[in-house]
PDB file of N, CA and C in Angstrom:
ATOM      1  N   UNK A   1       0.811  -1.185   0.000  1.00  0.00           N
ATOM      2  CA  UNK A   1       0.000   0.000   0.000  1.00  0.00           C
ATOM      3  C   UNK A   1       0.856   1.252   0.000  1.00  0.00           C
ATOM      4  N   UNK A   2       0.179   2.372  -0.003  1.00  0.00           N
ATOM      5  CA  UNK A   2       0.835   3.680   0.001  1.00  0.00           C
ATOM      6  C   UNK A   2       0.502   4.372   1.315  1.00  0.00           C
ATOM      7  N   UNK A   3       1.500   4.990   1.928  1.00  0.00           N
ATOM      8  CA  UNK A   3       1.293   5.695   3.189  1.00  0.00           C
ATOM      9  C   UNK A   3       2.284   6.837   3.302  1.00  0.00           C
ATOM     10  N   UNK A   4       1.921   7.833   4.090  1.00  0.00           N
ATOM     11  CA  UNK A   4       2.877   8.873   4.457  1.00  0.00           C
ATOM     12  C   UNK A   4       3.726   8.322   5.590  1.00  0.00           C
ATOM     13  N   UNK A   5       5.023   8.628   5.560  1.00  0.00           N
ATOM     14  CA  UNK A   5       5.927   8.148   6.605  1.00  0.00           C
ATOM     15  C   UNK A   5       6.828   9.276   7.078  1.00  0.00           C
ATOM     16  N   UNK A   6       7.380   9.082   8.254  1.00  0.00           N
ATOM     17  CA  UNK A   6       8.414   9.958   8.790  1.00  0.00           C
ATOM     18  C   UNK A   6       9.701   9.152   8.791  1.00  0.00           C
ATOM     19  N   UNK A   7      10.744   9.698   8.168  1.00  0.00           N
ATOM     20  CA  UNK A   7      12.033   9.014   8.126  1.00  0.00           C
ATOM     21  C   UNK A   7      12.806   9.414   9.377  1.00  0.00           C
ATOM     22  N   UNK A   8      13.201   8.433  10.149  1.00  0.00           N
ATOM     23  CA  UNK A   8      13.886   8.713  11.405  1.00  0.00           C
ATOM     24  C   UNK A   8      15.115   7.830  11.540  1.00  0.00           C
ATOM     25  N   UNK A   9      16.091   8.339  12.232  1.00  0.00           N
ATOM     26  CA  UNK A   9      17.313   7.582  12.462  1.00  0.00           C
ATOM     27  C   UNK A   9      18.518   8.485  12.411  1.00  0.00           C
ATOM     28  N   UNK A  10      19.679   7.918  12.678  1.00  0.00           N
ATOM     29  CA  UNK A  10      20.900   8.727  12.694  1.00  0.00           C
ATOM     30  C   UNK A  10      21.256   9.236  11.298  1.00  0.00           C
ATOM     31  N   UNK A  11      21.478  10.553  11.137  1.00  0.00           N
ATOM     32  CA  UNK A  11      21.786  11.098   9.812  1.00  0.00           C
ATOM     33  C   UNK A  11      23.100  10.589   9.236  1.00  0.00           C
ATOM     34  N   UNK A  12      24.002  10.154  10.093  1.00  0.00           N
ATOM     35  CA  UNK A  12      25.286   9.665   9.594  1.00  0.00           C
ATOM     36  C   UNK A  12      25.257   8.165   9.300  1.00  0.00           C
ATOM     37  N   UNK A  13      24.088   7.522   9.486  1.00  0.00           N
ATOM     38  CA  UNK A  13      23.959   6.087   9.216  1.00  0.00           C
ATOM     39  C   UNK A  13      22.621   5.811   8.543  1.00  0.00           C
ATOM     40  N   UNK A  14      22.508   6.082   7.208  1.00  0.00           N
ATOM     41  CA  UNK A  14      21.239   5.857   6.515  1.00  0.00           C
ATOM     42  C   UNK A  14      20.761   4.414   6.615  1.00  0.00           C
ATOM     43  N   UNK A  15      21.682   3.466   6.796  1.00  0.00           N
ATOM     44  CA  UNK A  15      21.290   2.071   6.917  1.00  0.00           C
ATOM     45  C   UNK A  15      20.507   1.792   8.182  1.00  0.00           C
ATOM     46  N   UNK A  16      20.610   2.680   9.160  1.00  0.00           N
ATOM     47  CA  UNK A  16      19.885   2.507  10.411  1.00  0.00           C
ATOM     48  C   UNK A  16      18.564   3.248  10.451  1.00  0.00           C
ATOM     49  N   UNK A  17      18.196   3.921   9.365  1.00  0.00           N
ATOM     50  CA  UNK A  17      16.975   4.721   9.339  1.00  0.00           C
ATOM     51  C   UNK A  17      15.743   3.831   9.224  1.00  0.00           C
ATOM     52  N   UNK A  18      14.647   4.321   9.798  1.00  0.00           N
ATOM     53  CA  UNK A  18      13.372   3.621   9.687  1.00  0.00           C
ATOM     54  C   UNK A  18      12.323   4.570   9.133  1.00  0.00           C
ATOM     55  N   UNK A  19      11.280   4.004   8.544  1.00  0.00           N
ATOM     56  CA  UNK A  19      10.133   4.762   8.053  1.00  0.00           C
ATOM     57  C   UNK A  19       8.962   4.437   8.971  1.00  0.00           C
ATOM     58  N   UNK A  20       8.481   5.438   9.710  1.00  0.00           N
ATOM     59  CA  UNK A  20       7.341   5.262  10.618  1.00  0.00           C
ATOM     60  C   UNK A  20       6.079   5.750   9.930  1.00  0.00           C
ATOM     61  N   UNK A  21       5.059   4.908   9.869  1.00  0.00           N
ATOM     62  CA  UNK A  21       3.807   5.251   9.182  1.00  0.00           C
ATOM     63  C   UNK A  21       3.038   6.314   9.957  1.00  0.00           C
ATOM     64  N   UNK A  22       2.584   7.341   9.211  1.00  0.00           N
ATOM     65  CA  UNK A  22       1.811   8.435   9.790  1.00  0.00           C
ATOM     66  C   UNK A  22       0.331   8.159   9.554  1.00  0.00           C
ATOM     67  N   UNK A  23      -0.468   8.305  10.599  1.00  0.00           N
ATOM     68  CA  UNK A  23      -1.918   8.168  10.474  1.00  0.00           C
ATOM     69  C   UNK A  23      -2.466   9.448   9.843  1.00  0.00           C
ATOM     70  N   UNK A  24      -3.389   9.316   8.928  1.00  0.00           N
ATOM     71  CA  UNK A  24      -4.053  10.436   8.265  1.00  0.00           C
ATOM     72  C   UNK A  24      -3.065  11.275   7.466  1.00  0.00           C
ATOM     73  N   UNK A  25      -3.163  12.611   7.551  1.00  0.00           N
ATOM     74  CA  UNK A  25      -2.294  13.481   6.750  1.00  0.00           C
ATOM     75  C   UNK A  25      -1.012  13.803   7.519  1.00  0.00           C
ATOM     76  N   UNK A  26       0.064  14.155   6.799  1.00  0.00           N
ATOM     77  CA  UNK A  26       1.358  14.361   7.449  1.00  0.00           C
ATOM     78  C   UNK A  26       1.619  15.780   7.932  1.00  0.00           C
ATOM     79  N   UNK A  27       0.661  16.688   7.779  1.00  0.00           N
ATOM     80  CA  UNK A  27       0.907  18.088   8.103  1.00  0.00           C
ATOM     81  C   UNK A  27       0.515  18.383   9.548  1.00  0.00           C
ATOM     82  N   UNK A  28       1.202  19.304  10.162  1.00  0.00           N
ATOM     83  CA  UNK A  28       0.937  19.623  11.555  1.00  0.00           C
ATOM     84  C   UNK A  28       1.692  18.670  12.464  1.00  0.00           C
ATOM     85  N   UNK A  29       1.063  18.257  13.533  1.00  0.00           N
ATOM     86  CA  UNK A  29       1.668  17.309  14.472  1.00  0.00           C
ATOM     87  C   UNK A  29       1.166  15.913  14.135  1.00  0.00           C
ATOM     88  N   UNK A  30       1.976  15.124  13.447  1.00  0.00           N
ATOM     89  CA  UNK A  30       1.488  13.813  13.011  1.00  0.00           C
ATOM     90  C   UNK A  30       1.320  12.844  14.179  1.00  0.00           C
ATOM     91  N   UNK A  31       0.362  11.948  14.005  1.00  0.00           N
ATOM     92  CA  UNK A  31       0.234  10.814  14.912  1.00  0.00           C
ATOM     93  C   UNK A  31       0.652   9.587  14.122  1.00  0.00           C
ATOM     94  N   UNK A  32       1.155   8.589  14.806  1.00  0.00           N
ATOM     95  CA  UNK A  32       1.717   7.422  14.137  1.00  0.00           C
ATOM     96  C   UNK A  32       0.856   6.193  14.386  1.00  0.00           C
ATOM     97  N   UNK A  33       0.866   5.285  13.410  1.00  0.00           N
ATOM     98  CA  UNK A  33       0.056   4.068  13.500  1.00  0.00           C
ATOM     99  C   UNK A  33       0.729   2.981  14.323  1.00  0.00           C
ATOM    100  N   UNK A  34       2.029   3.086  14.515  1.00  0.00           N
ATOM    101  CA  UNK A  34       2.776   2.040  15.199  1.00  0.00           C
ATOM    102  C   UNK A  34       3.494   1.113  14.230  1.00  0.00           C
ATOM    103  N   UNK A  35       3.146   1.214  12.936  1.00  0.00           N
ATOM    104  CA  UNK A  35       3.827   0.395  11.930  1.00  0.00           C
ATOM    105  C   UNK A  35       5.090   1.114  11.480  1.00  0.00           C
ATOM    106  N   UNK A  36       6.165   0.360  11.280  1.00  0.00           N
ATOM    107  CA  UNK A  36       7.416   0.938  10.785  1.00  0.00           C
ATOM    108  C   UNK A  36       8.199  -0.120  10.027  1.00  0.00           C
ATOM    109  N   UNK A  37       9.085   0.358   9.131  1.00  0.00           N
ATOM    110  CA  UNK A  37       9.879  -0.520   8.281  1.00  0.00           C
ATOM    111  C   UNK A  37      11.293   0.033   8.172  1.00  0.00           C
ATOM    112  N   UNK A  38      12.284  -0.836   7.935  1.00  0.00           N
ATOM    113  CA  UNK A  38      13.625  -0.331   7.616  1.00  0.00           C
ATOM    114  C   UNK A  38      13.543   0.503   6.334  1.00  0.00           C
ATOM    115  N   UNK A  39      14.220   1.627   6.306  1.00  0.00           N
ATOM    116  CA  UNK A  39      14.158   2.503   5.135  1.00  0.00           C
ATOM    117  C   UNK A  39      14.568   1.769   3.865  1.00  0.00           C
ATOM    118  N   UNK A  40      15.482   0.828   3.963  1.00  0.00           N
ATOM    119  CA  UNK A  40      15.942   0.072   2.792  1.00  0.00           C
ATOM    120  C   UNK A  40      14.817  -0.750   2.167  1.00  0.00           C
ATOM    121  N   UNK A  41      13.756  -1.048   2.927  1.00  0.00           N
ATOM    122  CA  UNK A  41      12.637  -1.846   2.421  1.00  0.00           C
ATOM    123  C   UNK A  41      11.493  -0.992   1.892  1.00  0.00           C
ATOM    124  N   UNK A  42      11.669   0.330   1.898  1.00  0.00           N
ATOM    125  CA  UNK A  42      10.597   1.252   1.526  1.00  0.00           C
ATOM    126  C   UNK A  42      10.923   1.925   0.205  1.00  0.00           C
ATOM    127  N   UNK A  43       9.924   2.058  -0.656  1.00  0.00           N
ATOM    128  CA  UNK A  43      10.086   2.832  -1.899  1.00  0.00           C
ATOM    129  C   UNK A  43       9.455   4.198  -1.674  1.00  0.00           C
ATOM    130  N   UNK A  44      10.267   5.247  -1.711  1.00  0.00           N
ATOM    131  CA  UNK A  44       9.766   6.599  -1.482  1.00  0.00           C
ATOM    132  C   UNK A  44       9.191   7.173  -2.766  1.00  0.00           C
ATOM    133  N   UNK A  45       8.040   7.815  -2.650  1.00  0.00           N
ATOM    134  CA  UNK A  45       7.365   8.462  -3.773  1.00  0.00           C
ATOM    135  C   UNK A  45       7.230   9.950  -3.469  1.00  0.00           C
ATOM    136  N   UNK A  46       6.740  10.706  -4.446  1.00  0.00           N
ATOM    137  CA  UNK A  46       6.458  12.122  -4.221  1.00  0.00           C
ATOM    138  C   UNK A  46       5.410  12.237  -3.113  1.00  0.00           C
ATOM    139  N   UNK A  47       5.487  13.282  -2.289  1.00  0.00           N
ATOM    140  CA  UNK A  47       4.557  13.396  -1.167  1.00  0.00           C
ATOM    141  C   UNK A  47       3.126  13.738  -1.556  1.00  0.00           C
ATOM    142  N   UNK A  48       2.888  14.073  -2.822  1.00  0.00           N
ATOM    143  CA  UNK A  48       1.527  14.347  -3.286  1.00  0.00           C
ATOM    144  C   UNK A  48       1.320  13.669  -4.624  1.00  0.00           C
ATOM    145  N   UNK A  49       0.078  13.451  -4.969  1.00  0.00           N
ATOM    146  CA  UNK A  49      -0.256  12.920  -6.285  1.00  0.00           C
ATOM    147  C   UNK A  49      -0.738  14.092  -7.132  1.00  0.00           C
ATOM    148  N   UNK A  50       0.164  14.702  -7.855  1.00  0.00           N
ATOM    149  CA  UNK A  50      -0.166  15.875  -8.665  1.00  0.00           C
ATOM    150  C   UNK A  50      -0.997  15.465  -9.870  1.00  0.00           C
ATOM    151  N   UNK A  51      -1.979  16.290 -10.224  1.00  0.00           N
ATOM    152  CA  UNK A  51      -2.772  16.004 -11.417  1.00  0.00           C
ATOM    153  C   UNK A  51      -2.024  16.426 -12.674  1.00  0.00           C
ATOM    154  N   UNK A  52      -1.090  17.356 -12.521  1.00  0.00           N
ATOM    155  CA  UNK A  52      -0.267  17.793 -13.652  1.00  0.00           C
ATOM    156  C   UNK A  52       0.982  18.476 -13.105  1.00  0.00           C
ATOM    157  N   UNK A  53       1.979  18.591 -13.958  1.00  0.00           N
ATOM    158  CA  UNK A  53       3.213  19.287 -13.611  1.00  0.00           C
ATOM    159  C   UNK A  53       3.357  20.444 -14.581  1.00  0.00           C
ATOM    160  N   UNK A  54       3.594  21.634 -14.070  1.00  0.00           N
ATOM    161  CA  UNK A  54       3.811  22.808 -14.914  1.00  0.00           C
ATOM    162  C   UNK A  54       5.302  22.880 -15.206  1.00  0.00           C
ATOM    163  N   UNK A  55       5.662  22.939 -16.500  1.00  0.00           N
ATOM    164  CA  UNK A  55       7.063  22.919 -16.921  1.00  0.00           C
ATOM    165  C   UNK A  55       7.424  24.210 -17.643  1.00  0.00           C
ATOM    166  N   UNK A  56       8.709  24.541 -17.635  1.00  0.00           N
ATOM    167  CA  UNK A  56       9.198  25.713 -18.343  1.00  0.00           C
ATOM    168  C   UNK A  56      10.359  25.293 -19.231  1.00  0.00           C
ATOM    169  N   UNK A  57      10.223  25.559 -20.517  1.00  0.00           N
ATOM    170  CA  UNK A  57      11.278  25.242 -21.467  1.00  0.00           C
ATOM    171  C   UNK A  57      12.198  26.431 -21.695  1.00  0.00           C
ATOM    172  N   UNK A  58      13.354  26.159 -22.254  1.00  0.00           N
ATOM    173  CA  UNK A  58      14.364  27.192 -22.519  1.00  0.00           C
ATOM    174  C   UNK A  58      14.680  27.996 -21.262  1.00  0.00           C
ATOM    175  N   UNK A  59      14.855  27.289 -20.138  1.00  0.00           N
ATOM    176  CA  UNK A  59      15.090  27.999 -18.891  1.00  0.00           C
ATOM    177  C   UNK A  59      16.548  27.983 -18.446  1.00  0.00           C
ATOM    178  N   UNK A  60      17.444  27.450 -19.283  1.00  0.00           N
ATOM    179  CA  UNK A  60      18.881  27.535 -18.996  1.00  0.00           C
ATOM    180  C   UNK A  60      19.640  27.501 -20.319  1.00  0.00           C
ATOM    181  N   UNK A  61      20.864  28.023 -20.324  1.00  0.00           N
ATOM    182  CA  UNK A  61      21.621  28.263 -21.559  1.00  0.00           C
ATOM    183  C   UNK A  61      21.787  27.018 -22.419  1.00  0.00           C
ATOM    184  N   UNK A  62      22.131  25.873 -21.826  1.00  0.00           N
ATOM    185  CA  UNK A  62      22.350  24.652 -22.614  1.00  0.00           C
ATOM    186  C   UNK A  62      21.064  24.228 -23.322  1.00  0.00           C
ATOM    187  N   UNK A  63      19.925  24.402 -22.670  1.00  0.00           N
ATOM    188  CA  UNK A  63      18.654  24.022 -23.293  1.00  0.00           C
ATOM    189  C   UNK A  63      18.305  24.983 -24.428  1.00  0.00           C
ATOM    190  N   UNK A  64      18.620  26.252 -24.259  1.00  0.00           N
ATOM    191  CA  UNK A  64      18.376  27.227 -25.331  1.00  0.00           C
ATOM    192  C   UNK A  64      19.184  26.839 -26.563  1.00  0.00           C
ATOM    193  N   UNK A  65      20.438  26.426 -26.366  1.00  0.00           N
ATOM    194  CA  UNK A  65      21.274  25.972 -27.487  1.00  0.00           C
ATOM    195  C   UNK A  65      20.680  24.731 -28.146  1.00  0.00           C
ATOM    196  N   UNK A  66      20.217  23.766 -27.336  1.00  0.00           N
ATOM    197  CA  UNK A  66      19.597  22.549 -27.873  1.00  0.00           C
ATOM    198  C   UNK A  66      18.380  22.875 -28.731  1.00  0.00           C
ATOM    199  N   UNK A  67      17.648  23.933 -28.344  1.00  0.00           N
ATOM    200  CA  UNK A  67      16.421  24.307 -29.044  1.00  0.00           C
ATOM    201  C   UNK A  67      16.682  25.256 -30.211  1.00  0.00           C
ATOM    202  N   UNK A  68      17.934  25.479 -30.561  1.00  0.00           N
ATOM    203  CA  UNK A  68      18.236  26.314 -31.709  1.00  0.00           C
ATOM    204  C   UNK A  68      18.711  27.705 -31.369  1.00  0.00           C
ATOM    205  N   UNK A  69      18.945  27.978 -30.103  1.00  0.00           N
ATOM    206  CA  UNK A  69      19.487  29.270 -29.700  1.00  0.00           C
ATOM    207  C   UNK A  69      18.458  30.377 -29.763  1.00  0.00           C
ATOM    208  N   UNK A  70      18.950  31.588 -29.704  1.00  0.00           N
ATOM    209  CA  UNK A  70      18.080  32.754 -29.774  1.00  0.00           C
ATOM    210  C   UNK A  70      17.569  33.163 -28.406  1.00  0.00           C
ATOM    211  N   UNK A  71      16.936  34.314 -28.394  1.00  0.00           N
ATOM    212  CA  UNK A  71      16.343  34.816 -27.163  1.00  0.00           C
ATOM    213  C   UNK A  71      14.836  34.792 -27.313  1.00  0.00           C
ATOM    214  N   UNK A  72      14.142  34.984 -26.235  1.00  0.00           N
ATOM    215  CA  UNK A  72      12.686  34.988 -26.282  1.00  0.00           C
ATOM    216  C   UNK A  72      12.164  35.984 -25.259  1.00  0.00           C
ATOM    217  N   UNK A  73      11.022  36.556 -25.569  1.00  0.00           N
ATOM    218  CA  UNK A  73      10.408  37.537 -24.678  1.00  0.00           C
ATOM    219  C   UNK A  73       9.734  36.856 -23.491  1.00  0.00           C
ATOM    220  N   UNK A  74       9.015  35.781 -23.774  1.00  0.00           N
ATOM    221  CA  UNK A  74       8.252  35.084 -22.744  1.00  0.00           C
ATOM    222  C   UNK A  74       8.761  33.655 -22.612  1.00  0.00           C
ATOM    223  N   UNK A  75       8.709  33.104 -21.413  1.00  0.00           N
ATOM    224  CA  UNK A  75       9.145  31.714 -21.253  1.00  0.00           C
ATOM    225  C   UNK A  75       8.182  30.760 -21.957  1.00  0.00           C
ATOM    226  N   UNK A  76       8.683  29.585 -22.291  1.00  0.00           N
ATOM    227  CA  UNK A  76       7.849  28.552 -22.892  1.00  0.00           C
ATOM    228  C   UNK A  76       7.289  27.713 -21.749  1.00  0.00           C
ATOM    229  N   UNK A  77       5.979  27.749 -21.575  1.00  0.00           N
ATOM    230  CA  UNK A  77       5.317  27.019 -20.500  1.00  0.00           C
ATOM    231  C   UNK A  77       4.511  25.887 -21.122  1.00  0.00           C
ATOM    232  N   UNK A  78       4.597  24.700 -20.517  1.00  0.00           N
ATOM    233  CA  UNK A  78       3.771  23.584 -20.975  1.00  0.00           C
ATOM    234  C   UNK A  78       3.424  22.702 -19.786  1.00  0.00           C
ATOM    235  N   UNK A  79       2.393  21.884 -19.949  1.00  0.00           N
ATOM    236  CA  UNK A  79       1.921  21.009 -18.886  1.00  0.00           C
ATOM    237  C   UNK A  79       2.223  19.561 -19.215  1.00  0.00           C
ATOM    238  N   UNK A  80       2.448  18.778 -18.194  1.00  0.00           N
ATOM    239  CA  UNK A  80       2.610  17.329 -18.343  1.00  0.00           C
ATOM    240  C   UNK A  80       1.604  16.679 -17.402  1.00  0.00           C
ATOM    241  N   UNK A  81       0.737  15.810 -17.922  1.00  0.00           N
ATOM    242  CA  UNK A  81      -0.184  15.118 -17.019  1.00  0.00           C
ATOM    243  C   UNK A  81       0.567  14.082 -16.188  1.00  0.00           C
ATOM    244  N   UNK A  82      -0.023  13.685 -15.067  1.00  0.00           N
ATOM    245  CA  UNK A  82       0.653  12.704 -14.220  1.00  0.00           C
ATOM    246  C   UNK A  82       0.697  11.323 -14.862  1.00  0.00           C
ATOM    247  N   UNK A  83       0.052  11.153 -16.009  1.00  0.00           N
ATOM    248  CA  UNK A  83       0.087   9.878 -16.731  1.00  0.00           C
ATOM    249  C   UNK A  83       1.205   9.830 -17.764  1.00  0.00           C
ATOM    250  N   UNK A  84       1.954  10.934 -17.932  1.00  0.00           N
ATOM    251  CA  UNK A  84       3.010  10.984 -18.950  1.00  0.00           C
ATOM    252  C   UNK A  84       4.223  10.194 -18.535  1.00  0.00           C
TER     253      UNK A  84
END
């Protein structure tokens, strides 16, 4: 299943970290379910399920060169659905 977790453990030893399951939403003062797993056994995902991602093209020099160079007045904005 999918759950929000709090990653806890010594920062200098990632192998000792655990993921503690958060009950309900993770904002504010979380309460925990009591379930936990070694971090190595957990697959971390984005903290939200976005319906779309807003992207900006030609936003750095190397990309401008890839796109044929030149300058532009307005940034190139495009959307990517979460199914892309």
